[in-house]
């Protein structure tokens, strides 16, 4: 087992590190010599966020019952689904829930919107994550060449506790070449 060292006011302490270890805040020592403003970068112009669950044998009705919320879109493997101007046969089952687009970007509120209507039972989320691919797809759309995004520790912790992978897709502003 690897070690994770953490200093505290009571001297150096070393805690065992496992995949689920979360260090206690009082164990960590942070430097306070550097400060920054939360408004130090231009904000991403627009964001979209979609919770996606996918798998070969995914039954959308089962996911809806487990999470306690109807999806924005769902289908089973083999269903005919709309694709552009036509249709295609779904190669896997899919359940998705979309948040309202945010302009300017606000991933924290979009994640809160998505998760607030769903079960917070970690055991249910673990069951789903063991059986299916689960992610939060975020599309970030820039208007300028240098825009940024910040995601709060609370949002990141919520996603981690529920086993939801964060997937960021960043679309650059049109460049004048």
C-alpha atoms as a PDB file:
ATOM      1  CA  UNK A   1       0.000   0.000   0.000  1.00  0.00           C
ATOM      2  CA  UNK A   2       1.307   3.471  -0.838  1.00  0.00           C
ATOM      3  CA  UNK A   3       1.529   6.221   1.772  1.00  0.00           C
ATOM      4  CA  UNK A   4       0.079   9.688   1.671  1.00  0.00           C
ATOM      5  CA  UNK A   5       1.866  12.107   3.979  1.00  0.00           C
ATOM      6  CA  UNK A   6      -0.075  14.924   5.571  1.00  0.00           C
ATOM      7  CA  UNK A   7       1.226  17.489   8.034  1.00  0.00           C
ATOM      8  CA  UNK A   8      -0.838  18.842  10.902  1.00  0.00           C
ATOM      9  CA  UNK A   9      -0.267  21.236  13.758  1.00  0.00           C
ATOM     10  CA  UNK A  10       0.540  18.210  15.910  1.00  0.00           C
ATOM     11  CA  UNK A  11       3.524  17.201  13.750  1.00  0.00           C
ATOM     12  CA  UNK A  12       3.913  14.994  10.715  1.00  0.00           C
ATOM     13  CA  UNK A  13       1.346  12.223  10.308  1.00  0.00           C
ATOM     14  CA  UNK A  14       1.149   9.660   7.559  1.00  0.00           C
ATOM     15  CA  UNK A  15      -2.193   8.139   6.572  1.00  0.00           C
ATOM     16  CA  UNK A  16      -2.709   4.970   4.597  1.00  0.00           C
ATOM     17  CA  UNK A  17      -3.806   5.713   1.043  1.00  0.00           C
ATOM     18  CA  UNK A  18      -6.449   3.642  -0.665  1.00  0.00           C
ATOM     19  CA  UNK A  19      -8.636   4.477  -3.633  1.00  0.00           C
ATOM     20  CA  UNK A  20     -11.386   5.767  -1.319  1.00  0.00           C
ATOM     21  CA  UNK A  21      -9.237   7.750   1.133  1.00  0.00           C
ATOM     22  CA  UNK A  22     -10.242  11.360   1.605  1.00  0.00           C
ATOM     23  CA  UNK A  23      -7.809  13.230   3.874  1.00  0.00           C
ATOM     24  CA  UNK A  24      -9.332  15.168   6.731  1.00  0.00           C
ATOM     25  CA  UNK A  25      -9.036  18.903   6.196  1.00  0.00           C
ATOM     26  CA  UNK A  26      -7.334  19.492   9.522  1.00  0.00           C
ATOM     27  CA  UNK A  27      -4.507  17.140   8.457  1.00  0.00           C
ATOM     28  CA  UNK A  28      -3.456  19.239   5.488  1.00  0.00           C
ATOM     29  CA  UNK A  29      -1.249  22.331   5.504  1.00  0.00           C
ATOM     30  CA  UNK A  30      -1.675  24.805   2.653  1.00  0.00           C
ATOM     31  CA  UNK A  31       0.446  27.777   1.743  1.00  0.00           C
ATOM     32  CA  UNK A  32      -1.365  31.093   2.047  1.00  0.00           C
ATOM     33  CA  UNK A  33       1.300  33.252   0.396  1.00  0.00           C
ATOM     34  CA  UNK A  34      -0.450  33.358  -2.972  1.00  0.00           C
ATOM     35  CA  UNK A  35      -3.871  34.911  -3.448  1.00  0.00           C
ATOM     36  CA  UNK A  36      -6.017  35.333  -6.511  1.00  0.00           C
ATOM     37  CA  UNK A  37      -9.330  36.779  -7.509  1.00  0.00           C
ATOM     38  CA  UNK A  38     -12.108  34.465  -8.625  1.00  0.00           C
ATOM     39  CA  UNK A  39     -12.699  36.941 -11.464  1.00  0.00           C
ATOM     40  CA  UNK A  40      -9.132  36.703 -12.780  1.00  0.00           C
ATOM     41  CA  UNK A  41     -10.066  35.005 -16.065  1.00  0.00           C
ATOM     42  CA  UNK A  42     -12.685  35.516 -18.709  1.00  0.00           C
ATOM     43  CA  UNK A  43     -15.587  33.128 -18.153  1.00  0.00           C
ATOM     44  CA  UNK A  44     -16.575  30.508 -20.740  1.00  0.00           C
ATOM     45  CA  UNK A  45     -19.384  32.008 -22.815  1.00  0.00           C
ATOM     46  CA  UNK A  46     -21.833  29.097 -22.770  1.00  0.00           C
ATOM     47  CA  UNK A  47     -22.112  25.626 -21.285  1.00  0.00           C
ATOM     48  CA  UNK A  48     -24.328  22.594 -21.743  1.00  0.00           C
ATOM     49  CA  UNK A  49     -24.448  19.669 -19.323  1.00  0.00           C
ATOM     50  CA  UNK A  50     -25.928  16.200 -19.765  1.00  0.00           C
ATOM     51  CA  UNK A  51     -25.898  13.250 -17.385  1.00  0.00           C
ATOM     52  CA  UNK A  52     -25.426  10.138 -19.533  1.00  0.00           C
ATOM     53  CA  UNK A  53     -25.810   6.477 -18.632  1.00  0.00           C
ATOM     54  CA  UNK A  54     -25.101   3.868 -21.311  1.00  0.00           C
ATOM     55  CA  UNK A  55     -24.756   0.121 -21.624  1.00  0.00           C
ATOM     56  CA  UNK A  56     -25.497  -2.882 -23.773  1.00  0.00           C
ATOM     57  CA  UNK A  57     -28.350  -4.172 -21.626  1.00  0.00           C
ATOM     58  CA  UNK A  58     -29.538  -0.805 -20.263  1.00  0.00           C
ATOM     59  CA  UNK A  59     -33.284  -0.669 -19.612  1.00  0.00           C
ATOM     60  CA  UNK A  60     -34.336   3.014 -19.514  1.00  0.00           C
ATOM     61  CA  UNK A  61     -37.367   2.246 -17.324  1.00  0.00           C
ATOM     62  CA  UNK A  62     -35.129   0.590 -14.729  1.00  0.00           C
ATOM     63  CA  UNK A  63     -32.789   3.611 -14.602  1.00  0.00           C
ATOM     64  CA  UNK A  64     -35.780   5.952 -14.301  1.00  0.00           C
ATOM     65  CA  UNK A  65     -37.133   3.890 -11.383  1.00  0.00           C
ATOM     66  CA  UNK A  66     -33.717   3.753  -9.663  1.00  0.00           C
ATOM     67  CA  UNK A  67     -32.989   7.490 -10.030  1.00  0.00           C
ATOM     68  CA  UNK A  68     -36.563   8.683  -9.454  1.00  0.00           C
ATOM     69  CA  UNK A  69     -36.660  10.959 -12.502  1.00  0.00           C
ATOM     70  CA  UNK A  70     -37.671  10.650 -16.144  1.00  0.00           C
ATOM     71  CA  UNK A  71     -34.908  11.170 -18.731  1.00  0.00           C
ATOM     72  CA  UNK A  72     -34.717  13.862 -21.379  1.00  0.00           C
ATOM     73  CA  UNK A  73     -34.032  11.079 -23.886  1.00  0.00           C
ATOM     74  CA  UNK A  74     -33.685   7.308 -23.604  1.00  0.00           C
ATOM     75  CA  UNK A  75     -33.623   4.197 -25.762  1.00  0.00           C
ATOM     76  CA  UNK A  76     -32.708   0.510 -25.691  1.00  0.00           C
ATOM     77  CA  UNK A  77     -30.099  -1.264 -27.774  1.00  0.00           C
ATOM     78  CA  UNK A  78     -31.655  -2.036 -31.169  1.00  0.00           C
ATOM     79  CA  UNK A  79     -34.231   0.782 -31.069  1.00  0.00           C
ATOM     80  CA  UNK A  80     -34.562   3.086 -34.058  1.00  0.00           C
ATOM     81  CA  UNK A  81     -33.427   6.550 -32.965  1.00  0.00           C
ATOM     82  CA  UNK A  82     -33.391   9.900 -34.735  1.00  0.00           C
ATOM     83  CA  UNK A  83     -29.998  10.801 -36.192  1.00  0.00           C
ATOM     84  CA  UNK A  84     -29.659  14.003 -38.175  1.00  0.00           C
ATOM     85  CA  UNK A  85     -32.201  13.879 -40.974  1.00  0.00           C
ATOM     86  CA  UNK A  86     -32.731  10.118 -40.670  1.00  0.00           C
ATOM     87  CA  UNK A  87     -32.679   7.276 -38.187  1.00  0.00           C
ATOM     88  CA  UNK A  88     -30.176   4.710 -36.987  1.00  0.00           C
ATOM     89  CA  UNK A  89     -30.243   1.549 -34.940  1.00  0.00           C
ATOM     90  CA  UNK A  90     -29.011   2.197 -31.395  1.00  0.00           C
ATOM     91  CA  UNK A  91     -25.806   0.186 -30.770  1.00  0.00           C
ATOM     92  CA  UNK A  92     -26.385   0.305 -26.970  1.00  0.00           C
ATOM     93  CA  UNK A  93     -28.959   1.416 -24.423  1.00  0.00           C
ATOM     94  CA  UNK A  94     -28.867   5.052 -23.352  1.00  0.00           C
ATOM     95  CA  UNK A  95     -30.474   7.234 -20.646  1.00  0.00           C
ATOM     96  CA  UNK A  96     -29.735  10.959 -20.511  1.00  0.00           C
ATOM     97  CA  UNK A  97     -30.879  13.982 -18.566  1.00  0.00           C
ATOM     98  CA  UNK A  98     -30.069  17.467 -19.865  1.00  0.00           C
ATOM     99  CA  UNK A  99     -29.713  20.629 -17.797  1.00  0.00           C
ATOM    100  CA  UNK A 100     -30.743  24.028 -19.118  1.00  0.00           C
ATOM    101  CA  UNK A 101     -27.971  25.675 -21.155  1.00  0.00           C
ATOM    102  CA  UNK A 102     -26.109  28.364 -19.204  1.00  0.00           C
ATOM    103  CA  UNK A 103     -24.944  31.631 -20.754  1.00  0.00           C
ATOM    104  CA  UNK A 104     -22.411  32.535 -19.457  1.00  0.00           C
ATOM    105  CA  UNK A 105     -21.146  29.140 -18.270  1.00  0.00           C
ATOM    106  CA  UNK A 106     -22.307  27.931 -14.867  1.00  0.00           C
ATOM    107  CA  UNK A 107     -21.450  24.253 -14.443  1.00  0.00           C
ATOM    108  CA  UNK A 108     -22.019  24.344 -10.690  1.00  0.00           C
ATOM    109  CA  UNK A 109     -25.679  25.347 -11.123  1.00  0.00           C
ATOM    110  CA  UNK A 110     -26.156  22.916 -14.012  1.00  0.00           C
ATOM    111  CA  UNK A 111     -24.832  20.005 -11.936  1.00  0.00           C
ATOM    112  CA  UNK A 112     -27.041  21.081  -9.020  1.00  0.00           C
ATOM    113  CA  UNK A 113     -30.039  21.211 -11.373  1.00  0.00           C
ATOM    114  CA  UNK A 114     -29.323  17.701 -12.663  1.00  0.00           C
ATOM    115  CA  UNK A 115     -28.603  16.045  -9.323  1.00  0.00           C
ATOM    116  CA  UNK A 116     -31.275  17.787  -7.232  1.00  0.00           C
ATOM    117  CA  UNK A 117     -34.095  15.757  -8.764  1.00  0.00           C
ATOM    118  CA  UNK A 118     -32.296  12.407  -8.551  1.00  0.00           C
ATOM    119  CA  UNK A 119     -31.761   9.966  -5.705  1.00  0.00           C
ATOM    120  CA  UNK A 120     -28.790  10.753  -3.497  1.00  0.00           C
ATOM    121  CA  UNK A 121     -28.546   7.116  -2.380  1.00  0.00           C
ATOM    122  CA  UNK A 122     -24.879   6.268  -2.979  1.00  0.00           C
ATOM    123  CA  UNK A 123     -25.653   2.538  -3.089  1.00  0.00           C
ATOM    124  CA  UNK A 124     -28.031   3.069  -6.034  1.00  0.00           C
ATOM    125  CA  UNK A 125     -25.387   5.091  -7.877  1.00  0.00           C
ATOM    126  CA  UNK A 126     -22.743   2.421  -7.191  1.00  0.00           C
ATOM    127  CA  UNK A 127     -25.061  -0.250  -8.589  1.00  0.00           C
ATOM    128  CA  UNK A 128     -25.607   1.809 -11.743  1.00  0.00           C
ATOM    129  CA  UNK A 129     -21.879   2.627 -12.099  1.00  0.00           C
ATOM    130  CA  UNK A 130     -20.945  -1.070 -11.792  1.00  0.00           C
ATOM    131  CA  UNK A 131     -23.322  -2.050 -14.575  1.00  0.00           C
ATOM    132  CA  UNK A 132     -23.112   0.913 -16.940  1.00  0.00           C
ATOM    133  CA  UNK A 133     -20.971   3.776 -18.155  1.00  0.00           C
ATOM    134  CA  UNK A 134     -21.938   6.946 -16.257  1.00  0.00           C
ATOM    135  CA  UNK A 135     -20.665  10.431 -17.080  1.00  0.00           C
ATOM    136  CA  UNK A 136     -21.533  14.096 -17.020  1.00  0.00           C
ATOM    137  CA  UNK A 137     -20.905  15.469 -20.490  1.00  0.00           C
ATOM    138  CA  UNK A 138     -20.168  19.203 -20.441  1.00  0.00           C
ATOM    139  CA  UNK A 139     -19.866  21.208 -23.631  1.00  0.00           C
ATOM    140  CA  UNK A 140     -17.970  24.462 -23.085  1.00  0.00           C
ATOM    141  CA  UNK A 141     -18.253  27.072 -25.835  1.00  0.00           C
ATOM    142  CA  UNK A 142     -15.778  29.962 -26.004  1.00  0.00           C
ATOM    143  CA  UNK A 143     -16.277  33.266 -27.824  1.00  0.00           C
ATOM    144  CA  UNK A 144     -12.766  34.545 -27.147  1.00  0.00           C
ATOM    145  CA  UNK A 145      -9.419  32.805 -27.482  1.00  0.00           C
ATOM    146  CA  UNK A 146      -8.828  32.688 -23.717  1.00  0.00           C
ATOM    147  CA  UNK A 147     -11.762  31.877 -21.466  1.00  0.00           C
ATOM    148  CA  UNK A 148     -11.782  29.676 -18.385  1.00  0.00           C
ATOM    149  CA  UNK A 149     -13.991  27.697 -16.090  1.00  0.00           C
ATOM    150  CA  UNK A 150     -13.914  26.985 -12.385  1.00  0.00           C
ATOM    151  CA  UNK A 151     -15.768  24.096 -10.770  1.00  0.00           C
ATOM    152  CA  UNK A 152     -16.370  24.225  -7.035  1.00  0.00           C
ATOM    153  CA  UNK A 153     -14.993  21.562  -4.695  1.00  0.00           C
ATOM    154  CA  UNK A 154     -18.574  20.770  -3.619  1.00  0.00           C
ATOM    155  CA  UNK A 155     -19.609  19.998  -7.188  1.00  0.00           C
ATOM    156  CA  UNK A 156     -16.547  17.832  -7.766  1.00  0.00           C
ATOM    157  CA  UNK A 157     -17.149  15.990  -4.492  1.00  0.00           C
ATOM    158  CA  UNK A 158     -20.798  15.341  -5.380  1.00  0.00           C
ATOM    159  CA  UNK A 159     -19.816  13.864  -8.736  1.00  0.00           C
ATOM    160  CA  UNK A 160     -17.066  11.746  -7.161  1.00  0.00           C
ATOM    161  CA  UNK A 161     -19.290  10.412  -4.380  1.00  0.00           C
ATOM    162  CA  UNK A 162     -21.862   9.276  -6.944  1.00  0.00           C
ATOM    163  CA  UNK A 163     -19.237   7.767  -9.272  1.00  0.00           C
ATOM    164  CA  UNK A 164     -19.962  10.171 -12.121  1.00  0.00           C
ATOM    165  CA  UNK A 165     -17.068  10.805 -14.508  1.00  0.00           C
ATOM    166  CA  UNK A 166     -16.670  14.440 -15.621  1.00  0.00           C
ATOM    167  CA  UNK A 167     -16.268  14.729 -19.399  1.00  0.00           C
ATOM    168  CA  UNK A 168     -15.346  18.215 -20.696  1.00  0.00           C
ATOM    169  CA  UNK A 169     -15.637  18.975 -24.392  1.00  0.00           C
ATOM    170  CA  UNK A 170     -14.190  22.430 -25.135  1.00  0.00           C
ATOM    171  CA  UNK A 171     -15.082  24.308 -28.310  1.00  0.00           C
ATOM    172  CA  UNK A 172     -12.658  27.087 -29.221  1.00  0.00           C
ATOM    173  CA  UNK A 173     -13.631  30.431 -30.620  1.00  0.00           C
ATOM    174  CA  UNK A 174     -13.250  30.820 -34.363  1.00  0.00           C
ATOM    175  CA  UNK A 175      -9.676  31.832 -35.049  1.00  0.00           C
ATOM    176  CA  UNK A 176      -8.830  34.419 -37.672  1.00  0.00           C
ATOM    177  CA  UNK A 177      -5.879  32.903 -39.528  1.00  0.00           C
END
